[in-house]
Amino acid sequence: MTTRLDGRSSHTFEVTHTDDEWRQILTPEQYDVLRGHATERAGTCALLYEKRKGTFLCAGCDQPLFVAKTKFESGTGWPSFNEPEPGSVETTTDTSHGMVRTEVHCSQCGGHLGHVFPDGPPPTGLRYCVNGVAMNFLPDSTR
């Protein structure tokens, strides 16, 4: 077991670093979101407007999280997807801010990505509301 920055215990992830190493690897905003469970301001990330074919990767470990064809415009101000890549994310119950939500984190490094809600489009009916700063985008043309 390891303890995450939010104080919750969780399993040990495949990709681990010390807090100082995470601070060197990530930008301050990425660190706040991925390791500190912060939320970026709505509408501030360029990935919200990304429309090319490609793959959205975890900014902490480069694990593929979502493919572009699962992205949709939710009107929330954060990139939204209706389905992650198989095995790429895990969920936990988040009771912060006086509400109960389902947190989504990277299955490989444990980085906080955002939350998943049951108000998305078919076929899944899910909306993975993800902080854009928690991801990098790899266009199909660069593979």
N, C-alpha and C. Protein backbone atom coordinates (compact mmCIF):
# COMPACT_ATOMS: atom_id res chain seq x y z
N MET A 1 0.84 -1.19 0.00
CA MET A 1 0.00 0.00 0.00
C MET A 1 0.88 1.26 0.00
N THR A 2 0.40 2.26 -0.69
CA THR A 2 1.04 3.56 -0.65
C THR A 2 -0.01 4.58 -0.25
N THR A 3 0.44 5.72 0.23
CA THR A 3 -0.49 6.77 0.58
C THR A 3 -0.35 7.90 -0.42
N ARG A 4 -1.46 8.32 -1.00
CA ARG A 4 -1.47 9.39 -1.97
C ARG A 4 -1.52 10.73 -1.26
N LEU A 5 -1.30 11.80 -1.99
CA LEU A 5 -1.27 13.13 -1.40
C LEU A 5 -2.56 13.50 -0.69
N ASP A 6 -3.68 12.95 -1.11
CA ASP A 6 -4.94 13.28 -0.48
C ASP A 6 -5.15 12.48 0.81
N GLY A 7 -4.14 11.67 1.19
CA GLY A 7 -4.22 10.93 2.45
C GLY A 7 -4.87 9.58 2.35
N ARG A 8 -5.46 9.25 1.19
CA ARG A 8 -6.11 7.95 1.03
C ARG A 8 -5.07 6.88 0.71
N SER A 9 -5.29 5.70 1.25
CA SER A 9 -4.41 4.58 0.91
C SER A 9 -4.86 3.98 -0.40
N SER A 10 -3.91 3.47 -1.15
CA SER A 10 -4.24 2.82 -2.41
C SER A 10 -3.15 1.81 -2.71
N HIS A 11 -3.37 1.02 -3.75
CA HIS A 11 -2.36 0.03 -4.10
C HIS A 11 -1.13 0.71 -4.67
N THR A 12 -0.05 -0.01 -4.78
CA THR A 12 1.16 0.51 -5.39
C THR A 12 0.99 0.48 -6.90
N PHE A 13 1.33 1.57 -7.55
CA PHE A 13 1.18 1.67 -8.99
C PHE A 13 2.48 1.27 -9.68
N GLU A 14 2.37 0.89 -10.93
CA GLU A 14 3.52 0.45 -11.71
C GLU A 14 4.56 1.56 -11.84
N VAL A 15 4.11 2.80 -12.05
CA VAL A 15 5.00 3.95 -12.16
C VAL A 15 4.91 4.73 -10.86
N THR A 16 6.02 4.81 -10.15
CA THR A 16 6.06 5.57 -8.89
C THR A 16 7.29 6.47 -8.88
N HIS A 17 7.15 7.57 -8.18
CA HIS A 17 8.25 8.52 -7.99
C HIS A 17 8.10 9.13 -6.61
N THR A 18 9.17 9.68 -6.11
CA THR A 18 9.08 10.44 -4.87
C THR A 18 8.37 11.75 -5.19
N ASP A 19 7.94 12.43 -4.15
CA ASP A 19 7.29 13.73 -4.35
C ASP A 19 8.23 14.70 -5.07
N ASP A 20 9.50 14.72 -4.68
CA ASP A 20 10.46 15.61 -5.35
C ASP A 20 10.62 15.25 -6.82
N GLU A 21 10.65 13.96 -7.14
CA GLU A 21 10.76 13.54 -8.54
C GLU A 21 9.53 13.97 -9.33
N TRP A 22 8.33 13.80 -8.76
CA TRP A 22 7.12 14.24 -9.46
C TRP A 22 7.20 15.74 -9.73
N ARG A 23 7.69 16.51 -8.78
CA ARG A 23 7.79 17.96 -8.96
C ARG A 23 8.76 18.33 -10.07
N GLN A 24 9.77 17.50 -10.29
CA GLN A 24 10.73 17.74 -11.38
C GLN A 24 10.16 17.31 -12.73
N ILE A 25 9.39 16.25 -12.76
CA ILE A 25 8.83 15.69 -13.99
C ILE A 25 7.68 16.54 -14.52
N LEU A 26 6.82 17.02 -13.62
CA LEU A 26 5.59 17.71 -14.00
C LEU A 26 5.73 19.22 -13.87
N THR A 27 4.92 19.96 -14.64
CA THR A 27 4.82 21.40 -14.43
C THR A 27 4.09 21.63 -13.11
N PRO A 28 4.18 22.82 -12.53
CA PRO A 28 3.44 23.07 -11.28
C PRO A 28 1.94 22.79 -11.40
N GLU A 29 1.33 23.17 -12.52
CA GLU A 29 -0.11 22.92 -12.68
C GLU A 29 -0.40 21.43 -12.82
N GLN A 30 0.43 20.71 -13.58
CA GLN A 30 0.26 19.27 -13.70
C GLN A 30 0.41 18.59 -12.34
N TYR A 31 1.38 19.02 -11.57
CA TYR A 31 1.59 18.45 -10.24
C TYR A 31 0.36 18.67 -9.36
N ASP A 32 -0.16 19.89 -9.36
CA ASP A 32 -1.33 20.20 -8.54
C ASP A 32 -2.51 19.30 -8.88
N VAL A 33 -2.72 19.05 -10.17
CA VAL A 33 -3.86 18.22 -10.61
C VAL A 33 -3.57 16.74 -10.40
N LEU A 34 -2.48 16.25 -11.01
CA LEU A 34 -2.20 14.81 -10.99
C LEU A 34 -1.86 14.27 -9.61
N ARG A 35 -1.11 15.01 -8.83
CA ARG A 35 -0.67 14.51 -7.53
C ARG A 35 -1.47 15.12 -6.37
N GLY A 36 -2.01 16.33 -6.56
CA GLY A 36 -2.72 17.01 -5.48
C GLY A 36 -4.23 17.04 -5.62
N HIS A 37 -4.75 16.44 -6.71
CA HIS A 37 -6.19 16.33 -6.93
C HIS A 37 -6.87 17.68 -7.13
N ALA A 38 -6.13 18.65 -7.64
CA ALA A 38 -6.72 19.95 -7.95
C ALA A 38 -7.52 19.85 -9.25
N THR A 39 -8.20 20.92 -9.60
CA THR A 39 -8.95 21.01 -10.85
C THR A 39 -8.51 22.26 -11.57
N GLU A 40 -8.18 22.14 -12.85
CA GLU A 40 -7.83 23.33 -13.62
C GLU A 40 -9.08 24.17 -13.87
N ARG A 41 -8.89 25.45 -14.12
CA ARG A 41 -10.03 26.32 -14.42
C ARG A 41 -10.68 25.87 -15.72
N ALA A 42 -11.99 25.86 -15.73
CA ALA A 42 -12.75 25.45 -16.91
C ALA A 42 -12.37 26.31 -18.12
N GLY A 43 -12.26 25.67 -19.27
CA GLY A 43 -12.02 26.37 -20.52
C GLY A 43 -10.60 26.86 -20.73
N THR A 44 -9.65 26.46 -19.88
CA THR A 44 -8.30 27.01 -19.97
C THR A 44 -7.29 26.12 -20.68
N CYS A 45 -7.63 24.89 -20.98
CA CYS A 45 -6.66 23.97 -21.56
C CYS A 45 -6.88 23.83 -23.06
N ALA A 46 -5.79 23.86 -23.81
CA ALA A 46 -5.86 23.72 -25.27
C ALA A 46 -6.45 22.38 -25.68
N LEU A 47 -6.29 21.34 -24.87
CA LEU A 47 -6.82 20.03 -25.25
C LEU A 47 -8.34 20.00 -25.29
N LEU A 48 -8.98 20.97 -24.67
CA LEU A 48 -10.43 21.07 -24.76
C LEU A 48 -10.84 21.24 -26.23
N TYR A 49 -10.01 21.92 -27.01
CA TYR A 49 -10.33 22.25 -28.39
C TYR A 49 -9.67 21.31 -29.39
N GLU A 50 -8.96 20.30 -28.92
CA GLU A 50 -8.26 19.37 -29.81
C GLU A 50 -9.27 18.53 -30.60
N LYS A 51 -9.14 18.54 -31.93
CA LYS A 51 -10.09 17.83 -32.79
C LYS A 51 -9.43 16.80 -33.70
N ARG A 52 -8.09 16.72 -33.68
CA ARG A 52 -7.40 15.78 -34.57
C ARG A 52 -7.56 14.34 -34.09
N LYS A 53 -7.33 13.40 -35.00
CA LYS A 53 -7.29 11.99 -34.64
C LYS A 53 -6.01 11.75 -33.86
N GLY A 54 -6.10 10.94 -32.82
CA GLY A 54 -4.92 10.64 -32.04
C GLY A 54 -5.29 10.06 -30.69
N THR A 55 -4.33 10.10 -29.78
CA THR A 55 -4.49 9.50 -28.47
C THR A 55 -4.12 10.49 -27.38
N PHE A 56 -4.92 10.52 -26.34
CA PHE A 56 -4.66 11.34 -25.17
C PHE A 56 -3.93 10.48 -24.15
N LEU A 57 -2.74 10.93 -23.74
CA LEU A 57 -1.86 10.18 -22.85
C LEU A 57 -1.80 10.82 -21.47
N CYS A 58 -1.55 10.02 -20.45
CA CYS A 58 -1.35 10.56 -19.11
C CYS A 58 -0.09 11.41 -19.11
N ALA A 59 -0.18 12.63 -18.60
CA ALA A 59 0.98 13.53 -18.53
C ALA A 59 2.00 13.05 -17.51
N GLY A 60 1.61 12.16 -16.62
CA GLY A 60 2.53 11.66 -15.61
C GLY A 60 3.35 10.47 -16.06
N CYS A 61 2.80 9.64 -16.96
CA CYS A 61 3.50 8.40 -17.31
C CYS A 61 3.38 8.01 -18.78
N ASP A 62 2.68 8.79 -19.58
CA ASP A 62 2.50 8.53 -21.01
C ASP A 62 1.63 7.33 -21.34
N GLN A 63 0.89 6.81 -20.38
CA GLN A 63 -0.03 5.71 -20.69
C GLN A 63 -1.18 6.23 -21.57
N PRO A 64 -1.52 5.55 -22.66
CA PRO A 64 -2.69 5.94 -23.45
C PRO A 64 -3.96 5.83 -22.59
N LEU A 65 -4.74 6.91 -22.56
CA LEU A 65 -5.95 6.96 -21.73
C LEU A 65 -7.23 6.94 -22.57
N PHE A 66 -7.28 7.79 -23.59
CA PHE A 66 -8.48 7.93 -24.42
C PHE A 66 -8.05 8.13 -25.87
N VAL A 67 -8.84 7.63 -26.80
CA VAL A 67 -8.61 7.93 -28.21
C VAL A 67 -9.57 9.04 -28.61
N ALA A 68 -9.16 9.81 -29.60
CA ALA A 68 -9.91 10.99 -30.00
C ALA A 68 -11.36 10.70 -30.39
N LYS A 69 -11.61 9.53 -30.96
CA LYS A 69 -12.98 9.24 -31.41
C LYS A 69 -13.96 9.11 -30.23
N THR A 70 -13.46 9.00 -29.00
CA THR A 70 -14.36 8.92 -27.84
C THR A 70 -14.55 10.28 -27.17
N LYS A 71 -13.93 11.32 -27.71
CA LYS A 71 -14.05 12.68 -27.15
C LYS A 71 -15.32 13.33 -27.69
N PHE A 72 -15.98 14.10 -26.85
CA PHE A 72 -17.17 14.83 -27.29
C PHE A 72 -17.25 16.16 -26.56
N GLU A 73 -18.02 17.08 -27.11
CA GLU A 73 -18.20 18.40 -26.50
C GLU A 73 -19.32 18.32 -25.48
N SER A 74 -18.97 18.48 -24.21
CA SER A 74 -19.96 18.38 -23.14
C SER A 74 -20.47 19.74 -22.69
N GLY A 75 -19.76 20.81 -23.08
CA GLY A 75 -20.15 22.14 -22.64
C GLY A 75 -19.71 22.47 -21.23
N THR A 76 -18.90 21.61 -20.63
CA THR A 76 -18.47 21.81 -19.24
C THR A 76 -17.23 22.66 -19.10
N GLY A 77 -16.42 22.73 -20.17
CA GLY A 77 -15.15 23.46 -20.08
C GLY A 77 -13.95 22.56 -19.85
N TRP A 78 -14.18 21.25 -19.82
CA TRP A 78 -13.09 20.27 -19.69
C TRP A 78 -13.25 19.23 -20.78
N PRO A 79 -12.14 18.67 -21.26
CA PRO A 79 -12.26 17.58 -22.24
C PRO A 79 -13.11 16.45 -21.67
N SER A 80 -14.02 15.95 -22.48
CA SER A 80 -14.92 14.88 -22.05
C SER A 80 -14.85 13.71 -23.02
N PHE A 81 -14.91 12.53 -22.47
CA PHE A 81 -14.80 11.29 -23.24
C PHE A 81 -15.87 10.33 -22.75
N ASN A 82 -16.34 9.44 -23.64
CA ASN A 82 -17.36 8.49 -23.18
C ASN A 82 -16.80 7.10 -22.89
N GLU A 83 -15.48 6.89 -23.18
CA GLU A 83 -14.92 5.58 -22.89
C GLU A 83 -13.39 5.65 -22.86
N PRO A 84 -12.76 5.15 -21.79
CA PRO A 84 -11.30 5.12 -21.74
C PRO A 84 -10.76 3.90 -22.49
N GLU A 85 -9.49 3.90 -22.74
CA GLU A 85 -8.83 2.72 -23.29
C GLU A 85 -8.92 1.61 -22.24
N PRO A 86 -9.11 0.37 -22.65
CA PRO A 86 -9.27 -0.73 -21.68
C PRO A 86 -8.11 -0.79 -20.67
N GLY A 87 -8.46 -0.82 -19.40
CA GLY A 87 -7.48 -0.94 -18.32
C GLY A 87 -6.68 0.30 -18.00
N SER A 88 -6.95 1.42 -18.66
CA SER A 88 -6.12 2.61 -18.49
C SER A 88 -6.49 3.46 -17.28
N VAL A 89 -7.72 3.35 -16.82
CA VAL A 89 -8.13 4.16 -15.66
C VAL A 89 -8.74 3.28 -14.59
N GLU A 90 -8.68 3.78 -13.38
CA GLU A 90 -9.35 3.16 -12.23
C GLU A 90 -10.17 4.24 -11.56
N THR A 91 -11.10 3.83 -10.72
CA THR A 91 -11.94 4.81 -10.04
C THR A 91 -11.92 4.59 -8.54
N THR A 92 -12.18 5.66 -7.82
CA THR A 92 -12.35 5.63 -6.37
C THR A 92 -13.50 6.57 -6.03
N THR A 93 -14.04 6.42 -4.85
CA THR A 93 -15.09 7.32 -4.39
C THR A 93 -14.45 8.57 -3.81
N ASP A 94 -14.90 9.71 -4.28
CA ASP A 94 -14.39 11.01 -3.85
C ASP A 94 -15.49 11.71 -3.05
N THR A 95 -15.24 11.94 -1.77
CA THR A 95 -16.24 12.60 -0.91
C THR A 95 -15.82 14.02 -0.55
N SER A 96 -14.89 14.60 -1.31
CA SER A 96 -14.44 15.97 -1.03
C SER A 96 -15.51 16.98 -1.45
N HIS A 97 -15.40 18.16 -0.96
CA HIS A 97 -16.28 19.28 -1.32
C HIS A 97 -17.75 19.02 -1.01
N GLY A 98 -18.02 18.17 -0.02
CA GLY A 98 -19.38 17.94 0.43
C GLY A 98 -20.28 17.19 -0.53
N MET A 99 -19.68 16.42 -1.44
CA MET A 99 -20.48 15.63 -2.38
C MET A 99 -19.80 14.28 -2.60
N VAL A 100 -20.54 13.37 -3.20
CA VAL A 100 -19.99 12.06 -3.52
C VAL A 100 -19.87 11.97 -5.04
N ARG A 101 -18.63 11.76 -5.50
CA ARG A 101 -18.37 11.65 -6.94
C ARG A 101 -17.46 10.45 -7.17
N THR A 102 -17.35 10.05 -8.41
CA THR A 102 -16.44 8.97 -8.77
C THR A 102 -15.20 9.58 -9.42
N GLU A 103 -14.10 9.50 -8.71
CA GLU A 103 -12.82 10.02 -9.21
C GLU A 103 -12.22 9.03 -10.20
N VAL A 104 -11.57 9.55 -11.22
CA VAL A 104 -10.87 8.74 -12.21
C VAL A 104 -9.39 9.04 -12.09
N HIS A 105 -8.59 7.98 -11.99
CA HIS A 105 -7.15 8.16 -11.97
C HIS A 105 -6.47 7.17 -12.91
N CYS A 106 -5.25 7.49 -13.31
CA CYS A 106 -4.47 6.65 -14.21
C CYS A 106 -4.13 5.35 -13.50
N SER A 107 -4.37 4.23 -14.16
CA SER A 107 -4.11 2.94 -13.55
C SER A 107 -2.62 2.63 -13.43
N GLN A 108 -1.80 3.34 -14.16
CA GLN A 108 -0.37 3.06 -14.17
C GLN A 108 0.41 3.88 -13.15
N CYS A 109 0.05 5.18 -12.97
CA CYS A 109 0.80 6.03 -12.03
C CYS A 109 -0.07 6.57 -10.90
N GLY A 110 -1.38 6.37 -10.98
CA GLY A 110 -2.28 6.85 -9.93
C GLY A 110 -2.62 8.31 -10.02
N GLY A 111 -2.16 8.99 -11.06
CA GLY A 111 -2.43 10.42 -11.20
C GLY A 111 -3.92 10.72 -11.33
N HIS A 112 -4.36 11.75 -10.61
CA HIS A 112 -5.76 12.19 -10.66
C HIS A 112 -6.03 12.80 -12.03
N LEU A 113 -7.07 12.30 -12.70
CA LEU A 113 -7.44 12.80 -14.02
C LEU A 113 -8.67 13.68 -13.98
N GLY A 114 -9.65 13.29 -13.19
CA GLY A 114 -10.92 14.02 -13.13
C GLY A 114 -11.97 13.14 -12.50
N HIS A 115 -13.18 13.19 -13.05
CA HIS A 115 -14.30 12.42 -12.51
C HIS A 115 -15.13 11.84 -13.66
N VAL A 116 -15.90 10.81 -13.36
CA VAL A 116 -16.80 10.23 -14.35
C VAL A 116 -18.23 10.37 -13.85
N PHE A 117 -19.12 10.75 -14.77
CA PHE A 117 -20.51 11.00 -14.44
C PHE A 117 -21.42 10.18 -15.37
N PRO A 118 -22.62 9.83 -14.91
CA PRO A 118 -23.54 9.01 -15.72
C PRO A 118 -24.44 9.82 -16.64
N ASP A 119 -23.91 10.92 -17.22
CA ASP A 119 -24.73 11.77 -18.07
C ASP A 119 -24.13 11.98 -19.46
N GLY A 120 -23.39 10.97 -19.92
CA GLY A 120 -22.75 11.08 -21.23
C GLY A 120 -23.60 10.51 -22.34
N PRO A 121 -23.10 10.60 -23.56
CA PRO A 121 -23.85 10.11 -24.72
C PRO A 121 -23.76 8.60 -24.88
N PRO A 122 -24.63 8.03 -25.70
CA PRO A 122 -24.52 6.62 -26.03
C PRO A 122 -23.17 6.36 -26.72
N PRO A 123 -22.63 5.20 -26.73
CA PRO A 123 -23.28 3.99 -26.22
C PRO A 123 -23.06 3.74 -24.73
N THR A 124 -22.10 4.44 -24.09
CA THR A 124 -21.79 4.13 -22.69
C THR A 124 -22.65 4.88 -21.69
N GLY A 125 -23.14 6.07 -22.08
CA GLY A 125 -23.88 6.91 -21.14
C GLY A 125 -23.00 7.55 -20.09
N LEU A 126 -21.67 7.45 -20.28
CA LEU A 126 -20.73 8.00 -19.31
C LEU A 126 -20.05 9.25 -19.85
N ARG A 127 -19.67 10.13 -18.93
CA ARG A 127 -18.89 11.34 -19.27
C ARG A 127 -17.67 11.37 -18.37
N TYR A 128 -16.52 11.02 -18.96
CA TYR A 128 -15.25 11.15 -18.25
C TYR A 128 -14.81 12.59 -18.42
N CYS A 129 -14.94 13.37 -17.37
CA CYS A 129 -14.61 14.79 -17.37
C CYS A 129 -13.18 14.91 -16.86
N VAL A 130 -12.25 15.21 -17.77
CA VAL A 130 -10.83 15.09 -17.49
C VAL A 130 -10.14 16.45 -17.56
N ASN A 131 -9.28 16.70 -16.59
CA ASN A 131 -8.45 17.90 -16.62
C ASN A 131 -7.50 17.79 -17.80
N GLY A 132 -7.55 18.75 -18.70
CA GLY A 132 -6.68 18.72 -19.87
C GLY A 132 -5.22 18.73 -19.52
N VAL A 133 -4.86 19.42 -18.45
CA VAL A 133 -3.46 19.51 -18.04
C VAL A 133 -2.93 18.16 -17.57
N ALA A 134 -3.81 17.23 -17.27
CA ALA A 134 -3.40 15.89 -16.83
C ALA A 134 -3.03 14.99 -18.00
N MET A 135 -3.18 15.51 -19.23
CA MET A 135 -2.94 14.69 -20.42
C MET A 135 -2.02 15.41 -21.40
N ASN A 136 -1.43 14.62 -22.27
CA ASN A 136 -0.73 15.10 -23.46
C ASN A 136 -1.45 14.46 -24.64
N PHE A 137 -1.32 15.09 -25.81
CA PHE A 137 -1.98 14.56 -27.01
C PHE A 137 -0.94 14.12 -28.02
N LEU A 138 -1.12 12.91 -28.55
CA LEU A 138 -0.26 12.38 -29.59
C LEU A 138 -1.09 12.19 -30.85
N PRO A 139 -0.91 13.07 -31.85
CA PRO A 139 -1.67 12.93 -33.10
C PRO A 139 -1.32 11.63 -33.80
N ASP A 140 -2.28 11.06 -34.51
CA ASP A 140 -2.04 9.82 -35.25
C ASP A 140 -0.88 9.95 -36.23
N SER A 141 -0.68 11.10 -36.80
CA SER A 141 0.37 11.28 -37.81
C SER A 141 1.78 11.13 -37.23
N THR A 142 1.93 11.14 -35.90
CA THR A 142 3.26 11.04 -35.29
C THR A 142 3.59 9.62 -34.86
N ARG A 143 2.70 8.68 -35.08
CA ARG A 143 2.95 7.29 -34.68
C ARG A 143 3.85 6.58 -35.63
